[in-house]
Amino acid sequence: MPYSKVILVSSLVAVAATLSACAGKTQYRSACDQELEAAWSELSIAKADGFSGTVSYTKALGLITSARTMQTVENFDNCYNQAKDARFYIRESRKGQ
């Protein structure tokens, strides 16, 4: 096989691998968006109960902010996980825990 054909085939393989990697990143895209929307709508400082509730609220807010950053850089699986954790802390803040 001539040298130019080897380079062409190698380039095509590299492009195909890159495209398939990008396609895999979208797996959690909608789940990330749904969890973030739910977390933002549930977040309310007025519903936090006591000091422990305020601490949980602060943790939730930090996780939501981090999840938004993960969404921006298209790291959707981590975005989903952080938004899910934020919703847990929101529930805890309402219980005063």
N, C-alpha and C. Protein backbone atom coordinates (compact mmCIF):
# COMPACT_ATOMS: atom_id res chain seq x y z
N MET A 1 0.85 -1.16 0.00
CA MET A 1 0.00 0.00 0.00
C MET A 1 0.90 1.24 0.00
N PRO A 2 0.66 2.17 -0.92
CA PRO A 2 1.48 3.38 -0.96
C PRO A 2 1.29 4.21 0.31
N TYR A 3 2.31 5.00 0.58
CA TYR A 3 2.36 5.82 1.78
C TYR A 3 1.16 6.77 1.88
N SER A 4 0.73 7.38 0.78
CA SER A 4 -0.39 8.33 0.79
C SER A 4 -1.70 7.64 1.14
N LYS A 5 -1.87 6.39 0.72
CA LYS A 5 -3.10 5.66 1.06
C LYS A 5 -3.12 5.32 2.55
N VAL A 6 -1.97 5.01 3.12
CA VAL A 6 -1.88 4.71 4.55
C VAL A 6 -2.27 5.93 5.37
N ILE A 7 -1.79 7.09 4.94
CA ILE A 7 -2.13 8.33 5.63
C ILE A 7 -3.62 8.62 5.50
N LEU A 8 -4.18 8.41 4.32
CA LEU A 8 -5.60 8.64 4.09
C LEU A 8 -6.45 7.73 4.98
N VAL A 9 -6.12 6.45 5.00
CA VAL A 9 -6.88 5.49 5.81
C VAL A 9 -6.75 5.83 7.30
N SER A 10 -5.55 6.18 7.74
CA SER A 10 -5.33 6.55 9.14
C SER A 10 -6.14 7.79 9.51
N SER A 11 -6.18 8.75 8.60
CA SER A 11 -6.94 9.97 8.85
C SER A 11 -8.43 9.67 8.96
N LEU A 12 -8.94 8.81 8.08
CA LEU A 12 -10.36 8.45 8.11
C LEU A 12 -10.71 7.73 9.41
N VAL A 13 -9.85 6.85 9.86
CA VAL A 13 -10.07 6.14 11.12
C VAL A 13 -10.08 7.12 12.29
N ALA A 14 -9.17 8.07 12.30
CA ALA A 14 -9.10 9.07 13.36
C ALA A 14 -10.36 9.94 13.38
N VAL A 15 -10.84 10.35 12.22
CA VAL A 15 -12.06 11.17 12.14
C VAL A 15 -13.26 10.36 12.61
N ALA A 16 -13.36 9.11 12.22
CA ALA A 16 -14.48 8.27 12.64
C ALA A 16 -14.47 8.07 14.16
N ALA A 17 -13.30 7.87 14.74
CA ALA A 17 -13.20 7.70 16.19
C ALA A 17 -13.61 8.97 16.92
N THR A 18 -13.21 10.11 16.40
CA THR A 18 -13.55 11.39 17.02
C THR A 18 -15.05 11.64 16.97
N LEU A 19 -15.66 11.37 15.83
CA LEU A 19 -17.09 11.57 15.69
C LEU A 19 -17.89 10.64 16.59
N SER A 20 -17.46 9.40 16.73
CA SER A 20 -18.18 8.47 17.59
C SER A 20 -18.04 8.87 19.06
N ALA A 21 -16.91 9.43 19.44
CA ALA A 21 -16.72 9.90 20.82
C ALA A 21 -17.64 11.07 21.11
N CYS A 22 -17.81 11.96 20.15
CA CYS A 22 -18.69 13.11 20.35
C CYS A 22 -20.15 12.67 20.44
N ALA A 23 -20.53 11.67 19.68
CA ALA A 23 -21.90 11.18 19.71
C ALA A 23 -22.22 10.56 21.06
N GLY A 24 -21.25 9.94 21.70
CA GLY A 24 -21.48 9.32 23.00
C GLY A 24 -21.71 10.33 24.11
N LYS A 25 -21.28 11.55 23.94
CA LYS A 25 -21.43 12.57 24.97
C LYS A 25 -22.87 13.03 25.14
N THR A 26 -23.71 12.78 24.18
CA THR A 26 -25.08 13.29 24.23
C THR A 26 -26.03 12.34 24.96
N GLN A 27 -25.53 11.24 25.48
CA GLN A 27 -26.39 10.25 26.11
C GLN A 27 -27.20 10.83 27.27
N TYR A 28 -26.59 11.63 28.12
CA TYR A 28 -27.27 12.18 29.28
C TYR A 28 -27.77 13.61 29.07
N ARG A 29 -27.75 14.09 27.85
CA ARG A 29 -28.10 15.50 27.59
C ARG A 29 -29.49 15.86 28.10
N SER A 30 -30.51 15.11 27.73
CA SER A 30 -31.86 15.45 28.15
C SER A 30 -32.08 15.20 29.64
N ALA A 31 -31.46 14.14 30.18
CA ALA A 31 -31.59 13.87 31.61
C ALA A 31 -30.95 14.99 32.43
N CYS A 32 -29.80 15.47 31.98
CA CYS A 32 -29.13 16.59 32.63
C CYS A 32 -30.04 17.81 32.64
N ASP A 33 -30.61 18.14 31.50
CA ASP A 33 -31.47 19.31 31.39
C ASP A 33 -32.70 19.18 32.28
N GLN A 34 -33.31 18.01 32.31
CA GLN A 34 -34.51 17.79 33.12
C GLN A 34 -34.20 17.90 34.62
N GLU A 35 -33.09 17.30 35.06
CA GLU A 35 -32.72 17.37 36.48
C GLU A 35 -32.40 18.80 36.90
N LEU A 36 -31.69 19.53 36.04
CA LEU A 36 -31.36 20.92 36.36
C LEU A 36 -32.62 21.78 36.46
N GLU A 37 -33.53 21.63 35.53
CA GLU A 37 -34.77 22.40 35.57
C GLU A 37 -35.56 22.09 36.83
N ALA A 38 -35.63 20.82 37.20
CA ALA A 38 -36.35 20.43 38.41
C ALA A 38 -35.67 21.01 39.65
N ALA A 39 -34.34 20.93 39.69
CA ALA A 39 -33.60 21.45 40.85
C ALA A 39 -33.80 22.96 41.00
N TRP A 40 -33.71 23.70 39.90
CA TRP A 40 -33.91 25.15 39.98
C TRP A 40 -35.32 25.49 40.44
N SER A 41 -36.31 24.73 39.97
CA SER A 41 -37.68 25.04 40.37
C SER A 41 -37.94 24.66 41.83
N GLU A 42 -37.25 23.67 42.36
CA GLU A 42 -37.42 23.25 43.75
C GLU A 42 -36.65 24.12 44.74
N LEU A 43 -35.62 24.80 44.26
CA LEU A 43 -34.74 25.57 45.14
C LEU A 43 -35.45 26.82 45.65
N SER A 44 -35.60 26.90 46.96
CA SER A 44 -36.21 28.08 47.57
C SER A 44 -35.65 28.25 48.98
N ILE A 45 -34.96 29.34 49.22
CA ILE A 45 -34.36 29.60 50.54
C ILE A 45 -35.45 29.75 51.59
N ALA A 46 -36.62 30.20 51.20
CA ALA A 46 -37.71 30.37 52.15
C ALA A 46 -38.16 29.04 52.75
N LYS A 47 -37.92 27.95 52.03
CA LYS A 47 -38.36 26.65 52.51
C LYS A 47 -37.29 25.93 53.32
N ALA A 48 -36.09 26.48 53.38
CA ALA A 48 -35.02 25.86 54.18
C ALA A 48 -35.37 26.03 55.65
N ASP A 49 -35.19 24.97 56.43
CA ASP A 49 -35.58 24.99 57.83
C ASP A 49 -34.35 24.97 58.73
N GLY A 50 -34.10 26.08 59.44
CA GLY A 50 -33.03 26.15 60.42
C GLY A 50 -31.64 26.23 59.79
N PHE A 51 -30.64 26.18 60.69
CA PHE A 51 -29.25 26.29 60.24
C PHE A 51 -28.84 25.11 59.38
N SER A 52 -29.17 23.90 59.81
CA SER A 52 -28.82 22.71 59.02
C SER A 52 -29.47 22.75 57.65
N GLY A 53 -30.69 23.23 57.60
CA GLY A 53 -31.38 23.37 56.32
C GLY A 53 -30.68 24.36 55.41
N THR A 54 -30.17 25.43 56.00
CA THR A 54 -29.45 26.44 55.22
C THR A 54 -28.14 25.87 54.68
N VAL A 55 -27.47 25.02 55.48
CA VAL A 55 -26.24 24.38 55.01
C VAL A 55 -26.55 23.46 53.83
N SER A 56 -27.61 22.68 53.94
CA SER A 56 -28.01 21.80 52.83
C SER A 56 -28.39 22.61 51.60
N TYR A 57 -29.06 23.74 51.82
CA TYR A 57 -29.43 24.63 50.72
C TYR A 57 -28.17 25.13 50.00
N THR A 58 -27.17 25.51 50.77
CA THR A 58 -25.92 26.01 50.20
C THR A 58 -25.21 24.92 49.40
N LYS A 59 -25.22 23.69 49.91
CA LYS A 59 -24.63 22.56 49.17
C LYS A 59 -25.38 22.36 47.86
N ALA A 60 -26.71 22.43 47.91
CA ALA A 60 -27.52 22.25 46.71
C ALA A 60 -27.22 23.32 45.68
N LEU A 61 -27.11 24.56 46.14
CA LEU A 61 -26.82 25.67 45.22
C LEU A 61 -25.46 25.49 44.56
N GLY A 62 -24.47 25.05 45.34
CA GLY A 62 -23.14 24.79 44.77
C GLY A 62 -23.17 23.68 43.75
N LEU A 63 -23.92 22.62 44.03
CA LEU A 63 -24.03 21.50 43.09
C LEU A 63 -24.75 21.93 41.80
N ILE A 64 -25.77 22.75 41.93
CA ILE A 64 -26.47 23.23 40.74
C ILE A 64 -25.55 24.09 39.88
N THR A 65 -24.79 24.95 40.53
CA THR A 65 -23.84 25.78 39.79
C THR A 65 -22.81 24.93 39.08
N SER A 66 -22.31 23.91 39.76
CA SER A 66 -21.34 23.00 39.15
C SER A 66 -21.97 22.20 38.01
N ALA A 67 -23.23 21.79 38.21
CA ALA A 67 -23.93 21.05 37.16
C ALA A 67 -24.11 21.91 35.91
N ARG A 68 -24.43 23.19 36.10
CA ARG A 68 -24.55 24.10 34.95
C ARG A 68 -23.22 24.21 34.20
N THR A 69 -22.14 24.23 34.95
CA THR A 69 -20.82 24.28 34.31
C THR A 69 -20.58 23.00 33.52
N MET A 70 -20.91 21.86 34.11
CA MET A 70 -20.75 20.58 33.41
C MET A 70 -21.61 20.54 32.15
N GLN A 71 -22.79 21.11 32.22
CA GLN A 71 -23.66 21.16 31.04
C GLN A 71 -23.04 22.02 29.96
N THR A 72 -22.44 23.12 30.34
CA THR A 72 -21.83 24.03 29.38
C THR A 72 -20.68 23.37 28.64
N VAL A 73 -19.88 22.57 29.35
CA VAL A 73 -18.74 21.90 28.72
C VAL A 73 -19.12 20.51 28.18
N GLU A 74 -20.43 20.24 28.13
CA GLU A 74 -20.98 19.01 27.57
C GLU A 74 -20.51 17.75 28.29
N ASN A 75 -20.39 17.85 29.60
CA ASN A 75 -20.09 16.68 30.42
C ASN A 75 -21.42 16.29 31.07
N PHE A 76 -22.32 15.72 30.27
CA PHE A 76 -23.71 15.54 30.67
C PHE A 76 -23.91 14.50 31.77
N ASP A 77 -23.10 13.46 31.83
CA ASP A 77 -23.29 12.47 32.88
C ASP A 77 -22.98 13.06 34.25
N ASN A 78 -21.91 13.84 34.37
CA ASN A 78 -21.61 14.50 35.63
C ASN A 78 -22.63 15.59 35.95
N CYS A 79 -23.11 16.27 34.95
CA CYS A 79 -24.17 17.27 35.14
C CYS A 79 -25.39 16.61 35.76
N TYR A 80 -25.81 15.50 35.19
CA TYR A 80 -26.99 14.77 35.68
C TYR A 80 -26.78 14.35 37.14
N ASN A 81 -25.62 13.76 37.43
CA ASN A 81 -25.35 13.28 38.79
C ASN A 81 -25.33 14.43 39.80
N GLN A 82 -24.74 15.55 39.44
CA GLN A 82 -24.69 16.67 40.37
C GLN A 82 -26.07 17.31 40.57
N ALA A 83 -26.85 17.39 39.53
CA ALA A 83 -28.20 17.93 39.66
C ALA A 83 -29.06 17.01 40.52
N LYS A 84 -28.87 15.72 40.35
CA LYS A 84 -29.60 14.74 41.16
C LYS A 84 -29.21 14.87 42.64
N ASP A 85 -27.92 15.02 42.91
CA ASP A 85 -27.45 15.23 44.28
C ASP A 85 -27.99 16.54 44.85
N ALA A 86 -28.06 17.57 44.01
CA ALA A 86 -28.59 18.86 44.46
C ALA A 86 -30.04 18.72 44.90
N ARG A 87 -30.81 17.95 44.17
CA ARG A 87 -32.21 17.73 44.54
C ARG A 87 -32.32 17.01 45.88
N PHE A 88 -31.38 16.10 46.16
CA PHE A 88 -31.35 15.43 47.46
C PHE A 88 -31.13 16.46 48.57
N TYR A 89 -30.16 17.35 48.39
CA TYR A 89 -29.87 18.36 49.41
C TYR A 89 -31.01 19.37 49.55
N ILE A 90 -31.73 19.62 48.48
CA ILE A 90 -32.90 20.50 48.57
C ILE A 90 -33.95 19.86 49.46
N ARG A 91 -34.19 18.57 49.28
CA ARG A 91 -35.15 17.86 50.14
C ARG A 91 -34.69 17.89 51.60
N GLU A 92 -33.39 17.70 51.81
CA GLU A 92 -32.84 17.74 53.16
C GLU A 92 -32.97 19.12 53.78
N SER A 93 -32.80 20.16 52.98
CA SER A 93 -32.91 21.53 53.53
C SER A 93 -34.33 21.81 54.01
N ARG A 94 -35.30 21.23 53.36
CA ARG A 94 -36.69 21.44 53.77
C ARG A 94 -37.00 20.71 55.07
N LYS A 95 -36.27 19.62 55.33
CA LYS A 95 -36.44 18.87 56.57
C LYS A 95 -35.63 19.48 57.71
N GLY A 96 -34.75 20.39 57.39
CA GLY A 96 -33.90 20.98 58.42
C GLY A 96 -32.70 20.12 58.73
N GLN A 97 -32.28 19.31 57.78
CA GLN A 97 -31.15 18.41 57.98
C GLN A 97 -29.98 18.79 57.11
